[in-house]
Amino acid sequence: MKNVKTTITIGGIECYAFHGCMEEEGKIGSRYLVDVQIDKNVEQAVFNDELNDTVDYVVVNKIVNEQMAIRSKLIEHVAGRILKELSRLIPGEKAIEVKITKFNPPVNGNMHHASFTIKEGLN
């Protein structure tokens, strides 16, 4: 295969967490959805069927849940921590994108969700 690009998307990691600037958010919490996209050459896994040649979804899910459990005021901060930890644990050249969606943020009026996306790596 020539000029192969491989992307792994781990989407819809559901979390209940306590992020937010308001004191009440730290007590009652909110529903979140986290999506992670990893652009990395895992072509070997296509041919040899070995977990060591790709990105382990279990590891990604664990990192997301660990970081979501640490209270922060801003989802931007949480996304940055997730990105940093994934970058540290996934070897080689890669691009990683993390998107956090917070449902029903406490604002004046109705808002279904607010999202933040951060990406680092290959251009």
PDB file of N, CA and C in Angstrom:
ATOM      1  N   MET A   1       0.852  -1.168   0.000  1.00  0.00           N
ATOM      2  CA  MET A   1       0.000   0.000   0.000  1.00  0.00           C
ATOM      3  C   MET A   1       0.902   1.236   0.000  1.00  0.00           C
ATOM      4  N   LYS A   2       0.532   2.207  -0.799  1.00  0.00           N
ATOM      5  CA  LYS A   2       1.318   3.435  -0.883  1.00  0.00           C
ATOM      6  C   LYS A   2       0.492   4.616  -0.403  1.00  0.00           C
ATOM      7  N   ASN A   3       1.181   5.569   0.200  1.00  0.00           N
ATOM      8  CA  ASN A   3       0.545   6.806   0.669  1.00  0.00           C
ATOM      9  C   ASN A   3      -0.670   6.548   1.557  1.00  0.00           C
ATOM     10  N   VAL A   4      -0.517   5.624   2.470  1.00  0.00           N
ATOM     11  CA  VAL A   4      -1.603   5.283   3.379  1.00  0.00           C
ATOM     12  C   VAL A   4      -1.583   6.233   4.573  1.00  0.00           C
ATOM     13  N   LYS A   5      -2.746   6.754   4.924  1.00  0.00           N
ATOM     14  CA  LYS A   5      -2.898   7.567   6.131  1.00  0.00           C
ATOM     15  C   LYS A   5      -3.849   6.816   7.048  1.00  0.00           C
ATOM     16  N   THR A   6      -3.461   6.654   8.282  1.00  0.00           N
ATOM     17  CA  THR A   6      -4.313   5.936   9.222  1.00  0.00           C
ATOM     18  C   THR A   6      -4.723   6.860  10.364  1.00  0.00           C
ATOM     19  N   THR A   7      -5.989   6.805  10.693  1.00  0.00           N
ATOM     20  CA  THR A   7      -6.556   7.619  11.761  1.00  0.00           C
ATOM     21  C   THR A   7      -7.386   6.724  12.666  1.00  0.00           C
ATOM     22  N   ILE A   8      -7.173   6.878  13.949  1.00  0.00           N
ATOM     23  CA  ILE A   8      -7.961   6.148  14.938  1.00  0.00           C
ATOM     24  C   ILE A   8      -8.837   7.169  15.651  1.00  0.00           C
ATOM     25  N   THR A   9     -10.128   6.926  15.664  1.00  0.00           N
ATOM     26  CA  THR A   9     -11.059   7.808  16.362  1.00  0.00           C
ATOM     27  C   THR A   9     -11.736   7.025  17.473  1.00  0.00           C
ATOM     28  N   ILE A  10     -11.622   7.546  18.669  1.00  0.00           N
ATOM     29  CA  ILE A  10     -12.292   6.959  19.817  1.00  0.00           C
ATOM     30  C   ILE A  10     -13.317   8.002  20.238  1.00  0.00           C
ATOM     31  N   GLY A  11     -14.542   7.770  19.869  1.00  0.00           N
ATOM     32  CA  GLY A  11     -15.566   8.797  20.017  1.00  0.00           C
ATOM     33  C   GLY A  11     -16.616   8.452  21.045  1.00  0.00           C
ATOM     34  N   GLY A  12     -17.129   9.492  21.649  1.00  0.00           N
ATOM     35  CA  GLY A  12     -18.258   9.326  22.547  1.00  0.00           C
ATOM     36  C   GLY A  12     -17.924   8.717  23.892  1.00  0.00           C
ATOM     37  N   ILE A  13     -16.759   9.050  24.439  1.00  0.00           N
ATOM     38  CA  ILE A  13     -16.439   8.588  25.787  1.00  0.00           C
ATOM     39  C   ILE A  13     -17.290   9.420  26.747  1.00  0.00           C
ATOM     40  N   GLU A  14     -18.253   8.785  27.381  1.00  0.00           N
ATOM     41  CA  GLU A  14     -19.187   9.499  28.252  1.00  0.00           C
ATOM     42  C   GLU A  14     -18.641   9.562  29.673  1.00  0.00           C
ATOM     43  N   CYS A  15     -18.700  10.753  30.240  1.00  0.00           N
ATOM     44  CA  CYS A  15     -18.210  10.970  31.604  1.00  0.00           C
ATOM     45  C   CYS A  15     -19.195  11.854  32.355  1.00  0.00           C
ATOM     46  N   TYR A  16     -19.255  11.642  33.637  1.00  0.00           N
ATOM     47  CA  TYR A  16     -19.958  12.572  34.511  1.00  0.00           C
ATOM     48  C   TYR A  16     -18.877  13.175  35.386  1.00  0.00           C
ATOM     49  N   ALA A  17     -18.728  14.500  35.320  1.00  0.00           N
ATOM     50  CA  ALA A  17     -17.619  15.149  36.018  1.00  0.00           C
ATOM     51  C   ALA A  17     -18.083  16.461  36.639  1.00  0.00           C
ATOM     52  N   PHE A  18     -17.179  17.094  37.333  1.00  0.00           N
ATOM     53  CA  PHE A  18     -17.522  18.245  38.170  1.00  0.00           C
ATOM     54  C   PHE A  18     -16.716  19.488  37.809  1.00  0.00           C
ATOM     55  N   HIS A  19     -16.559  19.747  36.526  1.00  0.00           N
ATOM     56  CA  HIS A  19     -15.796  20.901  36.061  1.00  0.00           C
ATOM     57  C   HIS A  19     -16.690  22.131  35.980  1.00  0.00           C
ATOM     58  N   GLY A  20     -16.079  23.287  36.154  1.00  0.00           N
ATOM     59  CA  GLY A  20     -16.815  24.535  35.998  1.00  0.00           C
ATOM     60  C   GLY A  20     -16.338  25.590  36.971  1.00  0.00           C
ATOM     61  N   CYS A  21     -16.621  26.816  36.637  1.00  0.00           N
ATOM     62  CA  CYS A  21     -16.206  27.965  37.454  1.00  0.00           C
ATOM     63  C   CYS A  21     -17.136  28.208  38.635  1.00  0.00           C
ATOM     64  N   MET A  22     -18.336  27.688  38.545  1.00  0.00           N
ATOM     65  CA  MET A  22     -19.316  27.923  39.611  1.00  0.00           C
ATOM     66  C   MET A  22     -19.206  26.839  40.686  1.00  0.00           C
ATOM     67  N   GLU A  23     -19.383  27.235  41.927  1.00  0.00           N
ATOM     68  CA  GLU A  23     -19.289  26.306  43.050  1.00  0.00           C
ATOM     69  C   GLU A  23     -20.289  25.153  42.912  1.00  0.00           C
ATOM     70  N   GLU A  24     -21.491  25.477  42.423  1.00  0.00           N
ATOM     71  CA  GLU A  24     -22.525  24.446  42.264  1.00  0.00           C
ATOM     72  C   GLU A  24     -22.086  23.345  41.299  1.00  0.00           C
ATOM     73  N   GLU A  25     -21.322  23.721  40.272  1.00  0.00           N
ATOM     74  CA  GLU A  25     -20.867  22.724  39.299  1.00  0.00           C
ATOM     75  C   GLU A  25     -19.959  21.689  39.955  1.00  0.00           C
ATOM     76  N   GLY A  26     -19.228  22.125  40.967  1.00  0.00           N
ATOM     77  CA  GLY A  26     -18.373  21.205  41.702  1.00  0.00           C
ATOM     78  C   GLY A  26     -19.149  20.257  42.596  1.00  0.00           C
ATOM     79  N   LYS A  27     -20.393  20.592  42.856  1.00  0.00           N
ATOM     80  CA  LYS A  27     -21.226  19.751  43.717  1.00  0.00           C
ATOM     81  C   LYS A  27     -22.157  18.845  42.924  1.00  0.00           C
ATOM     82  N   ILE A  28     -22.810  19.415  41.896  1.00  0.00           N
ATOM     83  CA  ILE A  28     -23.819  18.627  41.173  1.00  0.00           C
ATOM     84  C   ILE A  28     -23.269  17.953  39.919  1.00  0.00           C
ATOM     85  N   GLY A  29     -22.196  18.491  39.347  1.00  0.00           N
ATOM     86  CA  GLY A  29     -21.592  17.887  38.168  1.00  0.00           C
ATOM     87  C   GLY A  29     -22.409  18.076  36.909  1.00  0.00           C
ATOM     88  N   SER A  30     -21.896  17.490  35.842  1.00  0.00           N
ATOM     89  CA  SER A  30     -22.532  17.613  34.537  1.00  0.00           C
ATOM     90  C   SER A  30     -22.095  16.454  33.652  1.00  0.00           C
ATOM     91  N   ARG A  31     -22.817  16.278  32.574  1.00  0.00           N
ATOM     92  CA  ARG A  31     -22.523  15.229  31.602  1.00  0.00           C
ATOM     93  C   ARG A  31     -21.551  15.759  30.552  1.00  0.00           C
ATOM     94  N   TYR A  32     -20.560  14.953  30.202  1.00  0.00           N
ATOM     95  CA  TYR A  32     -19.551  15.320  29.211  1.00  0.00           C
ATOM     96  C   TYR A  32     -19.382  14.191  28.205  1.00  0.00           C
ATOM     97  N   LEU A  33     -18.926  14.580  27.029  1.00  0.00           N
ATOM     98  CA  LEU A  33     -18.589  13.632  25.979  1.00  0.00           C
ATOM     99  C   LEU A  33     -17.195  13.993  25.489  1.00  0.00           C
ATOM    100  N   VAL A  34     -16.316  13.004  25.384  1.00  0.00           N
ATOM    101  CA  VAL A  34     -14.948  13.249  24.932  1.00  0.00           C
ATOM    102  C   VAL A  34     -14.692  12.422  23.677  1.00  0.00           C
ATOM    103  N   ASP A  35     -14.136  13.088  22.666  1.00  0.00           N
ATOM    104  CA  ASP A  35     -13.741  12.431  21.421  1.00  0.00           C
ATOM    105  C   ASP A  35     -12.242  12.614  21.249  1.00  0.00           C
ATOM    106  N   VAL A  36     -11.560  11.543  20.860  1.00  0.00           N
ATOM    107  CA  VAL A  36     -10.120  11.588  20.625  1.00  0.00           C
ATOM    108  C   VAL A  36      -9.853  11.062  19.225  1.00  0.00           C
ATOM    109  N   GLN A  37      -9.075  11.820  18.471  1.00  0.00           N
ATOM    110  CA  GLN A  37      -8.654  11.381  17.138  1.00  0.00           C
ATOM    111  C   GLN A  37      -7.134  11.359  17.108  1.00  0.00           C
ATOM    112  N   ILE A  38      -6.577  10.253  16.634  1.00  0.00           N
ATOM    113  CA  ILE A  38      -5.131  10.089  16.580  1.00  0.00           C
ATOM    114  C   ILE A  38      -4.735   9.742  15.153  1.00  0.00           C
ATOM    115  N   ASP A  39      -3.955  10.637  14.541  1.00  0.00           N
ATOM    116  CA  ASP A  39      -3.378  10.370  13.224  1.00  0.00           C
ATOM    117  C   ASP A  39      -1.989   9.809  13.470  1.00  0.00           C
ATOM    118  N   LYS A  40      -1.801   8.552  13.134  1.00  0.00           N
ATOM    119  CA  LYS A  40      -0.534   7.869  13.388  1.00  0.00           C
ATOM    120  C   LYS A  40      -0.419   6.718  12.408  1.00  0.00           C
ATOM    121  N   ASN A  41       0.782   6.471  11.959  1.00  0.00           N
ATOM    122  CA  ASN A  41       0.992   5.358  11.045  1.00  0.00           C
ATOM    123  C   ASN A  41       0.909   4.046  11.820  1.00  0.00           C
ATOM    124  N   VAL A  42      -0.202   3.367  11.651  1.00  0.00           N
ATOM    125  CA  VAL A  42      -0.384   2.047  12.260  1.00  0.00           C
ATOM    126  C   VAL A  42      -0.604   0.999  11.165  1.00  0.00           C
ATOM    127  N   GLU A  43       0.000   1.246  10.023  1.00  0.00           N
ATOM    128  CA  GLU A  43      -0.159   0.364   8.863  1.00  0.00           C
ATOM    129  C   GLU A  43       0.230  -1.077   9.182  1.00  0.00           C
ATOM    130  N   GLN A  44       1.233  -1.268  10.038  1.00  0.00           N
ATOM    131  CA  GLN A  44       1.649  -2.630  10.392  1.00  0.00           C
ATOM    132  C   GLN A  44       0.492  -3.428  10.985  1.00  0.00           C
ATOM    133  N   ALA A  45      -0.334  -2.778  11.783  1.00  0.00           N
ATOM    134  CA  ALA A  45      -1.465  -3.468  12.412  1.00  0.00           C
ATOM    135  C   ALA A  45      -2.476  -3.958  11.377  1.00  0.00           C
ATOM    136  N   VAL A  46      -2.543  -3.256  10.253  1.00  0.00           N
ATOM    137  CA  VAL A  46      -3.440  -3.666   9.168  1.00  0.00           C
ATOM    138  C   VAL A  46      -3.043  -5.052   8.660  1.00  0.00           C
ATOM    139  N   PHE A  47      -1.739  -5.316   8.654  1.00  0.00           N
ATOM    140  CA  PHE A  47      -1.233  -6.565   8.090  1.00  0.00           C
ATOM    141  C   PHE A  47      -1.006  -7.664   9.123  1.00  0.00           C
ATOM    142  N   ASN A  48      -0.566  -7.294  10.333  1.00  0.00           N
ATOM    143  CA  ASN A  48      -0.159  -8.343  11.269  1.00  0.00           C
ATOM    144  C   ASN A  48      -1.123  -8.593  12.427  1.00  0.00           C
ATOM    145  N   ASP A  49      -2.156  -7.763  12.571  1.00  0.00           N
ATOM    146  CA  ASP A  49      -3.188  -8.000  13.580  1.00  0.00           C
ATOM    147  C   ASP A  49      -2.637  -8.008  15.006  1.00  0.00           C
ATOM    148  N   GLU A  50      -1.641  -7.153  15.271  1.00  0.00           N
ATOM    149  CA  GLU A  50      -1.016  -7.083  16.595  1.00  0.00           C
ATOM    150  C   GLU A  50      -1.369  -5.778  17.297  1.00  0.00           C
ATOM    151  N   LEU A  51      -1.865  -5.874  18.513  1.00  0.00           N
ATOM    152  CA  LEU A  51      -2.247  -4.704  19.298  1.00  0.00           C
ATOM    153  C   LEU A  51      -1.068  -3.763  19.533  1.00  0.00           C
ATOM    154  N   ASN A  52       0.129  -4.307  19.681  1.00  0.00           N
ATOM    155  CA  ASN A  52       1.311  -3.471  19.924  1.00  0.00           C
ATOM    156  C   ASN A  52       1.630  -2.529  18.772  1.00  0.00           C
ATOM    157  N   ASP A  53       1.057  -2.760  17.603  1.00  0.00           N
ATOM    158  CA  ASP A  53       1.334  -1.925  16.429  1.00  0.00           C
ATOM    159  C   ASP A  53       0.257  -0.879  16.171  1.00  0.00           C
ATOM    160  N   THR A  54      -0.610  -0.685  17.131  1.00  0.00           N
ATOM    161  CA  THR A  54      -1.662   0.319  16.989  1.00  0.00           C
ATOM    162  C   THR A  54      -1.840   1.052  18.316  1.00  0.00           C
ATOM    163  N   VAL A  55      -2.902   1.798  18.435  1.00  0.00           N
ATOM    164  CA  VAL A  55      -3.207   2.521  19.669  1.00  0.00           C
ATOM    165  C   VAL A  55      -4.285   1.736  20.413  1.00  0.00           C
ATOM    166  N   ASP A  56      -4.019   1.432  21.654  1.00  0.00           N
ATOM    167  CA  ASP A  56      -4.936   0.644  22.475  1.00  0.00           C
ATOM    168  C   ASP A  56      -6.071   1.538  22.989  1.00  0.00           C
ATOM    169  N   TYR A  57      -7.290   1.248  22.569  1.00  0.00           N
ATOM    170  CA  TYR A  57      -8.457   2.039  22.985  1.00  0.00           C
ATOM    171  C   TYR A  57      -8.625   2.043  24.499  1.00  0.00           C
ATOM    172  N   VAL A  58      -8.286   0.927  25.123  1.00  0.00           N
ATOM    173  CA  VAL A  58      -8.430   0.809  26.573  1.00  0.00           C
ATOM    174  C   VAL A  58      -7.554   1.840  27.281  1.00  0.00           C
ATOM    175  N   VAL A  59      -6.337   2.020  26.791  1.00  0.00           N
ATOM    176  CA  VAL A  59      -5.415   2.996  27.378  1.00  0.00           C
ATOM    177  C   VAL A  59      -5.954   4.412  27.193  1.00  0.00           C
ATOM    178  N   VAL A  60      -6.440   4.717  25.999  1.00  0.00           N
ATOM    179  CA  VAL A  60      -6.991   6.050  25.727  1.00  0.00           C
ATOM    180  C   VAL A  60      -8.184   6.318  26.641  1.00  0.00           C
ATOM    181  N   ASN A  61      -9.085   5.370  26.741  1.00  0.00           N
ATOM    182  CA  ASN A  61     -10.264   5.516  27.599  1.00  0.00           C
ATOM    183  C   ASN A  61      -9.859   5.736  29.058  1.00  0.00           C
ATOM    184  N   LYS A  62      -8.861   5.007  29.518  1.00  0.00           N
ATOM    185  CA  LYS A  62      -8.379   5.133  30.900  1.00  0.00           C
ATOM    186  C   LYS A  62      -7.830   6.535  31.155  1.00  0.00           C
ATOM    187  N   ILE A  63      -7.019   7.035  30.248  1.00  0.00           N
ATOM    188  CA  ILE A  63      -6.446   8.376  30.399  1.00  0.00           C
ATOM    189  C   ILE A  63      -7.549   9.427  30.433  1.00  0.00           C
ATOM    190  N   VAL A  64      -8.487   9.322  29.513  1.00  0.00           N
ATOM    191  CA  VAL A  64      -9.589  10.287  29.474  1.00  0.00           C
ATOM    192  C   VAL A  64     -10.348  10.275  30.797  1.00  0.00           C
ATOM    193  N   ASN A  65     -10.714   9.107  31.279  1.00  0.00           N
ATOM    194  CA  ASN A  65     -11.485   9.018  32.524  1.00  0.00           C
ATOM    195  C   ASN A  65     -10.693   9.497  33.736  1.00  0.00           C
ATOM    196  N   GLU A  66      -9.402   9.198  33.783  1.00  0.00           N
ATOM    197  CA  GLU A  66      -8.571   9.682  34.893  1.00  0.00           C
ATOM    198  C   GLU A  66      -8.516  11.205  34.914  1.00  0.00           C
ATOM    199  N   GLN A  67      -8.307  11.805  33.756  1.00  0.00           N
ATOM    200  CA  GLN A  67      -8.186  13.262  33.695  1.00  0.00           C
ATOM    201  C   GLN A  67      -9.533  13.954  33.908  1.00  0.00           C
ATOM    202  N   MET A  68     -10.597  13.348  33.420  1.00  0.00           N
ATOM    203  CA  MET A  68     -11.925  13.932  33.629  1.00  0.00           C
ATOM    204  C   MET A  68     -12.319  13.895  35.105  1.00  0.00           C
ATOM    205  N   ALA A  69     -11.748  12.988  35.868  1.00  0.00           N
ATOM    206  CA  ALA A  69     -12.068  12.869  37.294  1.00  0.00           C
ATOM    207  C   ALA A  69     -11.387  13.944  38.143  1.00  0.00           C
ATOM    208  N   ILE A  70     -10.412  14.647  37.571  1.00  0.00           N
ATOM    209  CA  ILE A  70      -9.716  15.715  38.293  1.00  0.00           C
ATOM    210  C   ILE A  70     -10.439  17.027  38.018  1.00  0.00           C
ATOM    211  N   ARG A  71     -11.028  17.594  39.040  1.00  0.00           N
ATOM    212  CA  ARG A  71     -11.827  18.818  38.872  1.00  0.00           C
ATOM    213  C   ARG A  71     -10.980  19.978  38.365  1.00  0.00           C
ATOM    214  N   SER A  72     -11.527  20.685  37.389  1.00  0.00           N
ATOM    215  CA  SER A  72     -10.931  21.908  36.849  1.00  0.00           C
ATOM    216  C   SER A  72     -12.038  22.917  36.611  1.00  0.00           C
ATOM    217  N   LYS A  73     -11.661  24.172  36.546  1.00  0.00           N
ATOM    218  CA  LYS A  73     -12.646  25.207  36.233  1.00  0.00           C
ATOM    219  C   LYS A  73     -13.008  25.179  34.751  1.00  0.00           C
ATOM    220  N   LEU A  74     -12.017  24.885  33.904  1.00  0.00           N
ATOM    221  CA  LEU A  74     -12.204  25.010  32.456  1.00  0.00           C
ATOM    222  C   LEU A  74     -12.014  23.676  31.737  1.00  0.00           C
ATOM    223  N   ILE A  75     -12.905  23.414  30.766  1.00  0.00           N
ATOM    224  CA  ILE A  75     -12.716  22.210  29.950  1.00  0.00           C
ATOM    225  C   ILE A  75     -11.468  22.350  29.085  1.00  0.00           C
ATOM    226  N   GLU A  76     -11.052  23.560  28.798  1.00  0.00           N
ATOM    227  CA  GLU A  76      -9.815  23.778  28.048  1.00  0.00           C
ATOM    228  C   GLU A  76      -8.624  23.183  28.798  1.00  0.00           C
ATOM    229  N   HIS A  77      -8.616  23.372  30.098  1.00  0.00           N
ATOM    230  CA  HIS A  77      -7.534  22.853  30.938  1.00  0.00           C
ATOM    231  C   HIS A  77      -7.549  21.323  30.952  1.00  0.00           C
ATOM    232  N   VAL A  78      -8.727  20.753  31.071  1.00  0.00           N
ATOM    233  CA  VAL A  78      -8.862  19.292  31.084  1.00  0.00           C
ATOM    234  C   VAL A  78      -8.401  18.712  29.750  1.00  0.00           C
ATOM    235  N   ALA A  79      -8.825  19.320  28.650  1.00  0.00           N
ATOM    236  CA  ALA A  79      -8.427  18.842  27.321  1.00  0.00           C
ATOM    237  C   ALA A  79      -6.912  18.896  27.162  1.00  0.00           C
ATOM    238  N   GLY A  80      -6.299  19.946  27.672  1.00  0.00           N
ATOM    239  CA  GLY A  80      -4.844  20.065  27.610  1.00  0.00           C
ATOM    240  C   GLY A  80      -4.145  18.965  28.385  1.00  0.00           C
ATOM    241  N   ARG A  81      -4.682  18.615  29.538  1.00  0.00           N
ATOM    242  CA  ARG A  81      -4.095  17.522  30.330  1.00  0.00           C
ATOM    243  C   ARG A  81      -4.231  16.185  29.610  1.00  0.00           C
ATOM    244  N   ILE A  82      -5.393  15.952  29.017  1.00  0.00           N
ATOM    245  CA  ILE A  82      -5.604  14.704  28.273  1.00  0.00           C
ATOM    246  C   ILE A  82      -4.619  14.633  27.112  1.00  0.00           C
ATOM    247  N   LEU A  83      -4.501  15.717  26.364  1.00  0.00           N
ATOM    248  CA  LEU A  83      -3.584  15.760  25.223  1.00  0.00           C
ATOM    249  C   LEU A  83      -2.148  15.501  25.665  1.00  0.00           C
ATOM    250  N   LYS A  84      -1.733  16.143  26.726  1.00  0.00           N
ATOM    251  CA  LYS A  84      -0.362  15.981  27.230  1.00  0.00           C
ATOM    252  C   LYS A  84      -0.081  14.531  27.609  1.00  0.00           C
ATOM    253  N   GLU A  85      -1.020  13.906  28.307  1.00  0.00           N
ATOM    254  CA  GLU A  85      -0.825  12.524  28.750  1.00  0.00           C
ATOM    255  C   GLU A  85      -0.840  11.548  27.571  1.00  0.00           C
ATOM    256  N   LEU A  86      -1.745  11.750  26.619  1.00  0.00           N
ATOM    257  CA  LEU A  86      -1.765  10.890  25.429  1.00  0.00           C
ATOM    258  C   LEU A  86      -0.477  11.047  24.630  1.00  0.00           C
ATOM    259  N   SER A  87      -0.004  12.272  24.482  1.00  0.00           N
ATOM    260  CA  SER A  87       1.241  12.525  23.747  1.00  0.00           C
ATOM    261  C   SER A  87       2.413  11.815  24.407  1.00  0.00           C
ATOM    262  N   ARG A  88       2.399  11.797  25.714  1.00  0.00           N
ATOM    263  CA  ARG A  88       3.483  11.153  26.464  1.00  0.00           C
ATOM    264  C   ARG A  88       3.457   9.630  26.297  1.00  0.00           C
ATOM    265  N   LEU A  89       2.267   9.054  26.258  1.00  0.00           N
ATOM    266  CA  LEU A  89       2.152   7.594  26.254  1.00  0.00           C
ATOM    267  C   LEU A  89       2.117   6.944  24.877  1.00  0.00           C
ATOM    268  N   ILE A  90       1.789   7.711  23.848  1.00  0.00           N
ATOM    269  CA  ILE A  90       1.724   7.139  22.501  1.00  0.00           C
ATOM    270  C   ILE A  90       3.033   7.463  21.794  1.00  0.00           C
ATOM    271  N   PRO A  91       3.828   6.447  21.490  1.00  0.00           N
ATOM    272  CA  PRO A  91       5.150   6.703  20.907  1.00  0.00           C
ATOM    273  C   PRO A  91       5.086   7.102  19.433  1.00  0.00           C
ATOM    274  N   GLY A  92       6.176   7.671  18.955  1.00  0.00           N
ATOM    275  CA  GLY A  92       6.333   7.969  17.536  1.00  0.00           C
ATOM    276  C   GLY A  92       5.645   9.242  17.098  1.00  0.00           C
ATOM    277  N   GLU A  93       5.728   9.465  15.787  1.00  0.00           N
ATOM    278  CA  GLU A  93       5.092  10.652  15.202  1.00  0.00           C
ATOM    279  C   GLU A  93       3.590  10.458  15.169  1.00  0.00           C
ATOM    280  N   LYS A  94       2.902  11.509  15.554  1.00  0.00           N
ATOM    281  CA  LYS A  94       1.444  11.435  15.580  1.00  0.00           C
ATOM    282  C   LYS A  94       0.864  12.828  15.690  1.00  0.00           C
ATOM    283  N   ALA A  95      -0.413  12.913  15.397  1.00  0.00           N
ATOM    284  CA  ALA A  95      -1.202  14.110  15.685  1.00  0.00           C
ATOM    285  C   ALA A  95      -2.356  13.633  16.549  1.00  0.00           C
ATOM    286  N   ILE A  96      -2.630  14.385  17.589  1.00  0.00           N
ATOM    287  CA  ILE A  96      -3.709  14.008  18.499  1.00  0.00           C
ATOM    288  C   ILE A  96      -4.668  15.180  18.631  1.00  0.00           C
ATOM    289  N   GLU A  97      -5.949  14.872  18.522  1.00  0.00           N
ATOM    290  CA  GLU A  97      -6.990  15.877  18.713  1.00  0.00           C
ATOM    291  C   GLU A  97      -7.915  15.403  19.829  1.00  0.00           C
ATOM    292  N   VAL A  98      -8.203  16.303  20.757  1.00  0.00           N
ATOM    293  CA  VAL A  98      -9.104  16.002  21.870  1.00  0.00           C
ATOM    294  C   VAL A  98     -10.235  17.020  21.843  1.00  0.00           C
ATOM    295  N   LYS A  99     -11.452  16.524  21.884  1.00  0.00           N
ATOM    296  CA  LYS A  99     -12.625  17.398  21.929  1.00  0.00           C
ATOM    297  C   LYS A  99     -13.451  17.032  23.158  1.00  0.00           C
ATOM    298  N   ILE A 100     -13.749  18.046  23.971  1.00  0.00           N
ATOM    299  CA  ILE A 100     -14.611  17.843  25.138  1.00  0.00           C
ATOM    300  C   ILE A 100     -15.890  18.642  24.933  1.00  0.00           C
ATOM    301  N   THR A 101     -17.008  17.973  25.120  1.00  0.00           N
ATOM    302  CA  THR A 101     -18.315  18.616  25.037  1.00  0.00           C
ATOM    303  C   THR A 101     -18.968  18.566  26.411  1.00  0.00           C
ATOM    304  N   LYS A 102     -19.400  19.727  26.871  1.00  0.00           N
ATOM    305  CA  LYS A 102     -20.110  19.841  28.150  1.00  0.00           C
ATOM    306  C   LYS A 102     -21.576  20.110  27.838  1.00  0.00           C
ATOM    307  N   PHE A 103     -22.449  19.263  28.354  1.00  0.00           N
ATOM    308  CA  PHE A 103     -23.874  19.411  28.085  1.00  0.00           C
ATOM    309  C   PHE A 103     -24.538  20.305  29.127  1.00  0.00           C
ATOM    310  N   ASN A 104     -25.466  21.096  28.648  1.00  0.00           N
ATOM    311  CA  ASN A 104     -26.274  21.986  29.487  1.00  0.00           C
ATOM    312  C   ASN A 104     -25.448  22.836  30.455  1.00  0.00           C
ATOM    313  N   PRO A 105     -24.483  23.605  29.916  1.00  0.00           N
ATOM    314  CA  PRO A 105     -23.712  24.473  30.812  1.00  0.00           C
ATOM    315  C   PRO A 105     -24.622  25.523  31.443  1.00  0.00           C
ATOM    316  N   PRO A 106     -24.330  25.916  32.675  1.00  0.00           N
ATOM    317  CA  PRO A 106     -25.194  26.877  33.368  1.00  0.00           C
ATOM    318  C   PRO A 106     -24.985  28.297  32.845  1.00  0.00           C
ATOM    319  N   VAL A 107     -25.834  28.689  31.940  1.00  0.00           N
ATOM    320  CA  VAL A 107     -25.791  30.042  31.370  1.00  0.00           C
ATOM    321  C   VAL A 107     -27.196  30.628  31.453  1.00  0.00           C
ATOM    322  N   ASN A 108     -27.284  31.916  31.295  1.00  0.00           N
ATOM    323  CA  ASN A 108     -28.608  32.540  31.242  1.00  0.00           C
ATOM    324  C   ASN A 108     -29.229  32.200  29.901  1.00  0.00           C
ATOM    325  N   GLY A 109     -30.233  31.366  29.909  1.00  0.00           N
ATOM    326  CA  GLY A 109     -30.868  30.928  28.677  1.00  0.00           C
ATOM    327  C   GLY A 109     -30.609  29.456  28.443  1.00  0.00           C
ATOM    328  N   ASN A 110     -31.070  28.983  27.299  1.00  0.00           N
ATOM    329  CA  ASN A 110     -30.918  27.574  26.955  1.00  0.00           C
ATOM    330  C   ASN A 110     -29.704  27.368  26.069  1.00  0.00           C
ATOM    331  N   MET A 111     -28.870  26.423  26.446  1.00  0.00           N
ATOM    332  CA  MET A 111     -27.729  26.039  25.618  1.00  0.00           C
ATOM    333  C   MET A 111     -27.569  24.532  25.743  1.00  0.00           C
ATOM    334  N   HIS A 112     -27.605  23.854  24.620  1.00  0.00           N
ATOM    335  CA  HIS A 112     -27.487  22.401  24.626  1.00  0.00           C
ATOM    336  C   HIS A 112     -26.105  21.953  25.071  1.00  0.00           C
ATOM    337  N   HIS A 113     -25.063  22.564  24.491  1.00  0.00           N
ATOM    338  CA  HIS A 113     -23.707  22.161  24.857  1.00  0.00           C
ATOM    339  C   HIS A 113     -22.685  23.227  24.473  1.00  0.00           C
ATOM    340  N   ALA A 114     -21.513  23.092  25.058  1.00  0.00           N
ATOM    341  CA  ALA A 114     -20.343  23.890  24.680  1.00  0.00           C
ATOM    342  C   ALA A 114     -19.201  22.905  24.484  1.00  0.00           C
ATOM    343  N   SER A 115     -18.380  23.142  23.457  1.00  0.00           N
ATOM    344  CA  SER A 115     -17.277  22.230  23.154  1.00  0.00           C
ATOM    345  C   SER A 115     -15.970  22.982  23.033  1.00  0.00           C
ATOM    346  N   PHE A 116     -14.888  22.264  23.292  1.00  0.00           N
ATOM    347  CA  PHE A 116     -13.542  22.789  23.093  1.00  0.00           C
ATOM    348  C   PHE A 116     -12.717  21.699  22.440  1.00  0.00           C
ATOM    349  N   THR A 117     -11.930  22.074  21.428  1.00  0.00           N
ATOM    350  CA  THR A 117     -11.072  21.132  20.717  1.00  0.00           C
ATOM    351  C   THR A 117      -9.646  21.653  20.731  1.00  0.00           C
ATOM    352  N   ILE A 118      -8.705  20.749  20.988  1.00  0.00           N
ATOM    353  CA  ILE A 118      -7.284  21.077  20.948  1.00  0.00           C
ATOM    354  C   ILE A 118      -6.578  19.998  20.136  1.00  0.00           C
ATOM    355  N   LYS A 119      -5.606  20.416  19.327  1.00  0.00           N
ATOM    356  CA  LYS A 119      -4.890  19.470  18.472  1.00  0.00           C
ATOM    357  C   LYS A 119      -3.405  19.788  18.507  1.00  0.00           C
ATOM    358  N   GLU A 120      -2.614  18.744  18.511  1.00  0.00           N
ATOM    359  CA  GLU A 120      -1.163  18.893  18.510  1.00  0.00           C
ATOM    360  C   GLU A 120      -0.570  17.830  17.598  1.00  0.00           C
ATOM    361  N   GLY A 121       0.466  18.196  16.872  1.00  0.00           N
ATOM    362  CA  GLY A 121       1.178  17.191  16.113  1.00  0.00           C
ATOM    363  C   GLY A 121       1.326  17.513  14.658  1.00  0.00           C
ATOM    364  N   LEU A 122       1.317  16.486  13.843  1.00  0.00           N
ATOM    365  CA  LEU A 122       1.574  16.595  12.412  1.00  0.00           C
ATOM    366  C   LEU A 122       0.730  17.675  11.766  1.00  0.00           C
ATOM    367  N   ASN A 123       1.309  18.371  10.820  1.00  0.00           N
ATOM    368  CA  ASN A 123       0.560  19.433  10.119  1.00  0.00           C
ATOM    369  C   ASN A 123      -0.119  18.905   8.887  1.00  0.00           C
TER     370      ASN A 123
END
